[in-house]
Amino acid sequence: MDIYVNGILQVPGFDYVASKNSVSFTHPPVRGYDIVVKDLIGNATRITADGTTFLYQISAHSKGINNAIDLFNDALKYYDNPAVADVLDQLKVVIALVEQQSKTA
């Protein structure tokens, strides 16, 4: 899942925490800012920030997405563990490679 506020990609665990049906921001996005939540299969939910709300409800599109969110949130809890940090770093590399391949395909 990717979350953008006014076109800027947010950092999970730092800017927000996502659950199955909601996203909770560390600080409420500025009133009028555009919040876009993109799921793993490309569906996007667009919300306009009101300047005071931290928690926004979103719709989950599939069980697989919910499982991925749960797994990622669990990984963030244990990021200080070297094994978890290593796996997440490896995942970043794999994702970067897949993104490169999809751009050239």
N, C-alpha and C. Protein backbone atom coordinates (compact mmCIF):
# COMPACT_ATOMS: atom_id res chain seq x y z
N MET A 1 0.85 -1.17 0.00
CA MET A 1 0.00 0.00 0.00
C MET A 1 0.89 1.23 0.00
N ASP A 2 0.54 2.19 -0.82
CA ASP A 2 1.24 3.48 -0.85
C ASP A 2 0.25 4.56 -0.45
N ILE A 3 0.71 5.49 0.35
CA ILE A 3 -0.14 6.60 0.78
C ILE A 3 0.58 7.90 0.44
N TYR A 4 -0.13 8.77 -0.26
CA TYR A 4 0.40 10.06 -0.67
C TYR A 4 -0.42 11.17 -0.03
N VAL A 5 0.25 12.20 0.45
CA VAL A 5 -0.43 13.40 0.93
C VAL A 5 0.06 14.55 0.07
N ASN A 6 -0.86 15.12 -0.69
CA ASN A 6 -0.54 16.19 -1.63
C ASN A 6 0.59 15.80 -2.57
N GLY A 7 0.54 14.53 -3.01
CA GLY A 7 1.51 14.04 -3.99
C GLY A 7 2.82 13.53 -3.40
N ILE A 8 2.99 13.63 -2.09
CA ILE A 8 4.24 13.19 -1.46
C ILE A 8 4.02 11.83 -0.81
N LEU A 9 4.83 10.86 -1.22
CA LEU A 9 4.74 9.51 -0.67
C LEU A 9 5.08 9.54 0.82
N GLN A 10 4.19 8.95 1.62
CA GLN A 10 4.37 8.92 3.07
C GLN A 10 5.16 7.67 3.48
N VAL A 11 5.84 7.75 4.61
CA VAL A 11 6.67 6.66 5.10
C VAL A 11 5.89 5.87 6.15
N PRO A 12 5.65 4.56 5.87
CA PRO A 12 4.91 3.75 6.84
C PRO A 12 5.70 3.63 8.15
N GLY A 13 4.98 3.70 9.26
CA GLY A 13 5.62 3.60 10.57
C GLY A 13 6.19 4.91 11.06
N PHE A 14 6.33 5.88 10.16
CA PHE A 14 6.82 7.20 10.53
C PHE A 14 5.72 8.25 10.33
N ASP A 15 5.19 8.31 9.12
CA ASP A 15 4.12 9.27 8.80
C ASP A 15 2.74 8.72 9.11
N TYR A 16 2.60 7.40 9.03
CA TYR A 16 1.29 6.78 9.23
C TYR A 16 1.45 5.32 9.63
N VAL A 17 0.35 4.76 10.13
CA VAL A 17 0.23 3.33 10.36
C VAL A 17 -1.08 2.90 9.71
N ALA A 18 -1.03 1.85 8.91
CA ALA A 18 -2.23 1.36 8.23
C ALA A 18 -2.73 0.10 8.90
N SER A 19 -4.03 -0.05 8.91
CA SER A 19 -4.65 -1.29 9.35
C SER A 19 -5.51 -1.79 8.20
N LYS A 20 -6.33 -2.78 8.47
CA LYS A 20 -7.15 -3.36 7.40
C LYS A 20 -8.08 -2.35 6.75
N ASN A 21 -8.67 -1.47 7.55
CA ASN A 21 -9.68 -0.56 7.02
C ASN A 21 -9.44 0.90 7.35
N SER A 22 -8.22 1.23 7.81
CA SER A 22 -7.98 2.62 8.16
C SER A 22 -6.50 2.97 8.03
N VAL A 23 -6.26 4.27 8.00
CA VAL A 23 -4.90 4.79 8.04
C VAL A 23 -4.88 5.87 9.11
N SER A 24 -3.89 5.80 9.99
CA SER A 24 -3.75 6.75 11.08
C SER A 24 -2.45 7.52 10.89
N PHE A 25 -2.57 8.83 10.73
CA PHE A 25 -1.41 9.68 10.51
C PHE A 25 -0.79 10.13 11.83
N THR A 26 0.52 10.33 11.82
CA THR A 26 1.22 10.85 13.00
C THR A 26 0.74 12.26 13.31
N HIS A 27 0.57 13.05 12.27
CA HIS A 27 0.03 14.41 12.37
C HIS A 27 -1.08 14.53 11.34
N PRO A 28 -2.18 15.20 11.68
CA PRO A 28 -3.26 15.31 10.69
C PRO A 28 -2.80 16.10 9.46
N PRO A 29 -3.07 15.57 8.27
CA PRO A 29 -2.73 16.33 7.05
C PRO A 29 -3.45 17.68 7.02
N VAL A 30 -2.83 18.65 6.41
CA VAL A 30 -3.36 20.01 6.33
C VAL A 30 -4.70 20.02 5.61
N ARG A 31 -5.59 20.85 6.10
CA ARG A 31 -6.93 20.99 5.52
C ARG A 31 -6.83 21.26 4.01
N GLY A 32 -7.61 20.49 3.26
CA GLY A 32 -7.64 20.64 1.81
C GLY A 32 -6.62 19.80 1.07
N TYR A 33 -5.65 19.23 1.80
CA TYR A 33 -4.66 18.38 1.14
C TYR A 33 -5.33 17.11 0.63
N ASP A 34 -4.83 16.62 -0.46
CA ASP A 34 -5.34 15.42 -1.10
C ASP A 34 -4.62 14.20 -0.53
N ILE A 35 -5.37 13.24 0.00
CA ILE A 35 -4.82 11.99 0.50
C ILE A 35 -5.21 10.91 -0.50
N VAL A 36 -4.21 10.20 -1.02
CA VAL A 36 -4.47 9.11 -1.95
C VAL A 36 -3.88 7.84 -1.37
N VAL A 37 -4.74 6.82 -1.24
CA VAL A 37 -4.32 5.51 -0.75
C VAL A 37 -4.38 4.55 -1.92
N LYS A 38 -3.23 4.01 -2.31
CA LYS A 38 -3.17 3.05 -3.42
C LYS A 38 -2.88 1.68 -2.84
N ASP A 39 -3.71 0.71 -3.19
CA ASP A 39 -3.48 -0.65 -2.69
C ASP A 39 -2.51 -1.38 -3.61
N LEU A 40 -2.22 -2.61 -3.27
CA LEU A 40 -1.21 -3.39 -3.98
C LEU A 40 -1.58 -3.74 -5.41
N ILE A 41 -2.87 -3.66 -5.74
CA ILE A 41 -3.28 -3.99 -7.11
C ILE A 41 -3.64 -2.76 -7.92
N GLY A 42 -3.33 -1.57 -7.37
CA GLY A 42 -3.50 -0.34 -8.12
C GLY A 42 -4.77 0.43 -7.88
N ASN A 43 -5.68 -0.08 -7.07
CA ASN A 43 -6.89 0.67 -6.75
C ASN A 43 -6.54 1.84 -5.86
N ALA A 44 -7.17 2.99 -6.10
CA ALA A 44 -6.86 4.19 -5.33
C ALA A 44 -8.11 4.71 -4.64
N THR A 45 -7.95 5.14 -3.39
CA THR A 45 -8.99 5.82 -2.64
C THR A 45 -8.51 7.24 -2.42
N ARG A 46 -9.35 8.22 -2.76
CA ARG A 46 -8.98 9.63 -2.63
C ARG A 46 -9.83 10.26 -1.53
N ILE A 47 -9.15 10.97 -0.63
CA ILE A 47 -9.80 11.62 0.52
C ILE A 47 -9.25 13.05 0.59
N THR A 48 -10.09 14.00 0.98
CA THR A 48 -9.63 15.37 1.22
C THR A 48 -9.49 15.57 2.72
N ALA A 49 -8.29 15.98 3.13
CA ALA A 49 -8.02 16.18 4.56
C ALA A 49 -8.81 17.37 5.09
N ASP A 50 -9.21 17.26 6.37
CA ASP A 50 -9.94 18.37 7.00
C ASP A 50 -9.07 19.17 7.97
N GLY A 51 -7.81 18.76 8.14
CA GLY A 51 -6.88 19.50 8.98
C GLY A 51 -6.87 19.11 10.45
N THR A 52 -7.85 18.29 10.88
CA THR A 52 -7.90 17.90 12.29
C THR A 52 -7.93 16.39 12.49
N THR A 53 -8.28 15.64 11.45
CA THR A 53 -8.46 14.20 11.59
C THR A 53 -7.14 13.46 11.42
N PHE A 54 -6.84 12.56 12.37
CA PHE A 54 -5.68 11.69 12.29
C PHE A 54 -6.04 10.37 11.61
N LEU A 55 -7.25 9.87 11.88
CA LEU A 55 -7.66 8.53 11.48
C LEU A 55 -8.69 8.60 10.36
N TYR A 56 -8.37 7.98 9.24
CA TYR A 56 -9.28 7.94 8.10
C TYR A 56 -9.63 6.49 7.78
N GLN A 57 -10.88 6.26 7.48
CA GLN A 57 -11.35 4.93 7.09
C GLN A 57 -11.09 4.74 5.60
N ILE A 58 -10.59 3.56 5.25
CA ILE A 58 -10.36 3.22 3.86
C ILE A 58 -10.99 1.86 3.60
N SER A 59 -11.22 1.56 2.35
CA SER A 59 -11.79 0.25 2.04
C SER A 59 -10.69 -0.67 1.57
N ALA A 60 -10.66 -1.85 2.12
CA ALA A 60 -9.69 -2.86 1.69
C ALA A 60 -10.32 -3.66 0.55
N HIS A 61 -9.53 -3.96 -0.47
CA HIS A 61 -10.07 -4.59 -1.67
C HIS A 61 -9.92 -6.10 -1.72
N SER A 62 -9.06 -6.64 -0.87
CA SER A 62 -8.92 -8.08 -0.92
C SER A 62 -8.29 -8.60 0.36
N LYS A 63 -8.51 -9.88 0.62
CA LYS A 63 -7.93 -10.51 1.80
C LYS A 63 -6.41 -10.48 1.74
N GLY A 64 -5.84 -10.64 0.56
CA GLY A 64 -4.39 -10.62 0.40
C GLY A 64 -3.78 -9.30 0.83
N ILE A 65 -4.46 -8.22 0.51
CA ILE A 65 -3.97 -6.90 0.91
C ILE A 65 -3.99 -6.79 2.43
N ASN A 66 -5.07 -7.23 3.04
CA ASN A 66 -5.16 -7.18 4.50
C ASN A 66 -4.04 -7.99 5.14
N ASN A 67 -3.75 -9.16 4.61
CA ASN A 67 -2.68 -9.99 5.15
C ASN A 67 -1.33 -9.30 5.01
N ALA A 68 -1.10 -8.65 3.88
CA ALA A 68 0.16 -7.95 3.67
C ALA A 68 0.30 -6.79 4.65
N ILE A 69 -0.78 -6.06 4.88
CA ILE A 69 -0.75 -4.95 5.84
C ILE A 69 -0.44 -5.47 7.23
N ASP A 70 -1.10 -6.54 7.63
CA ASP A 70 -0.84 -7.13 8.95
C ASP A 70 0.62 -7.55 9.08
N LEU A 71 1.14 -8.19 8.07
CA LEU A 71 2.52 -8.66 8.09
C LEU A 71 3.49 -7.48 8.20
N PHE A 72 3.24 -6.44 7.40
CA PHE A 72 4.11 -5.28 7.42
C PHE A 72 4.07 -4.57 8.77
N ASN A 73 2.89 -4.40 9.33
CA ASN A 73 2.78 -3.76 10.64
C ASN A 73 3.49 -4.58 11.71
N ASP A 74 3.39 -5.91 11.63
CA ASP A 74 4.12 -6.76 12.57
C ASP A 74 5.63 -6.59 12.39
N ALA A 75 6.08 -6.51 11.15
CA ALA A 75 7.51 -6.34 10.89
C ALA A 75 8.01 -5.01 11.46
N LEU A 76 7.20 -3.97 11.37
CA LEU A 76 7.60 -2.67 11.90
C LEU A 76 7.77 -2.71 13.42
N LYS A 77 6.97 -3.53 14.10
CA LYS A 77 7.08 -3.66 15.56
C LYS A 77 8.46 -4.18 15.96
N TYR A 78 9.02 -5.04 15.10
CA TYR A 78 10.28 -5.71 15.43
C TYR A 78 11.43 -5.25 14.55
N TYR A 79 11.33 -4.06 14.00
CA TYR A 79 12.36 -3.56 13.08
C TYR A 79 13.73 -3.47 13.75
N ASP A 80 13.77 -3.27 15.06
CA ASP A 80 15.04 -3.19 15.78
C ASP A 80 15.77 -4.53 15.81
N ASN A 81 15.05 -5.62 15.54
CA ASN A 81 15.67 -6.94 15.49
C ASN A 81 16.47 -7.03 14.19
N PRO A 82 17.76 -7.36 14.27
CA PRO A 82 18.58 -7.39 13.06
C PRO A 82 18.05 -8.32 11.96
N ALA A 83 17.47 -9.44 12.33
CA ALA A 83 16.95 -10.37 11.33
C ALA A 83 15.78 -9.75 10.57
N VAL A 84 14.88 -9.07 11.29
CA VAL A 84 13.72 -8.43 10.65
C VAL A 84 14.19 -7.27 9.78
N ALA A 85 15.10 -6.46 10.28
CA ALA A 85 15.63 -5.33 9.51
C ALA A 85 16.30 -5.83 8.23
N ASP A 86 17.04 -6.93 8.32
CA ASP A 86 17.72 -7.50 7.15
C ASP A 86 16.72 -7.96 6.09
N VAL A 87 15.67 -8.65 6.52
CA VAL A 87 14.66 -9.13 5.57
C VAL A 87 13.95 -7.95 4.91
N LEU A 88 13.64 -6.91 5.67
CA LEU A 88 12.98 -5.75 5.08
C LEU A 88 13.90 -5.04 4.09
N ASP A 89 15.20 -4.97 4.41
CA ASP A 89 16.15 -4.38 3.46
C ASP A 89 16.22 -5.21 2.18
N GLN A 90 16.20 -6.53 2.30
CA GLN A 90 16.19 -7.40 1.12
C GLN A 90 14.92 -7.19 0.30
N LEU A 91 13.81 -7.03 0.99
CA LEU A 91 12.54 -6.80 0.30
C LEU A 91 12.58 -5.49 -0.50
N LYS A 92 13.20 -4.47 0.06
CA LYS A 92 13.34 -3.19 -0.66
C LYS A 92 14.08 -3.41 -1.99
N VAL A 93 15.15 -4.21 -1.96
CA VAL A 93 15.92 -4.49 -3.16
C VAL A 93 15.07 -5.22 -4.18
N VAL A 94 14.32 -6.23 -3.73
CA VAL A 94 13.46 -6.99 -4.64
C VAL A 94 12.42 -6.09 -5.27
N ILE A 95 11.80 -5.24 -4.47
CA ILE A 95 10.78 -4.33 -4.99
C ILE A 95 11.39 -3.38 -6.02
N ALA A 96 12.56 -2.86 -5.73
CA ALA A 96 13.23 -1.96 -6.69
C ALA A 96 13.50 -2.67 -8.02
N LEU A 97 13.94 -3.93 -7.94
CA LEU A 97 14.18 -4.71 -9.16
C LEU A 97 12.90 -4.96 -9.94
N VAL A 98 11.83 -5.29 -9.24
CA VAL A 98 10.54 -5.52 -9.91
C VAL A 98 10.05 -4.23 -10.56
N GLU A 99 10.21 -3.10 -9.87
CA GLU A 99 9.79 -1.82 -10.45
C GLU A 99 10.58 -1.51 -11.72
N GLN A 100 11.88 -1.78 -11.70
CA GLN A 100 12.70 -1.56 -12.89
C GLN A 100 12.24 -2.43 -14.05
N GLN A 101 11.95 -3.71 -13.75
CA GLN A 101 11.49 -4.63 -14.79
C GLN A 101 10.15 -4.19 -15.37
N SER A 102 9.26 -3.71 -14.51
CA SER A 102 7.94 -3.32 -15.00
C SER A 102 8.02 -2.08 -15.86
N LYS A 103 9.00 -1.21 -15.62
CA LYS A 103 9.17 -0.02 -16.44
C LYS A 103 9.74 -0.33 -17.82
N THR A 104 10.53 -1.42 -17.90
CA THR A 104 11.12 -1.78 -19.19
C THR A 104 10.26 -2.74 -19.99
N ALA A 105 9.24 -3.29 -19.34
CA ALA A 105 8.37 -4.27 -20.03
C ALA A 105 7.35 -3.61 -20.91
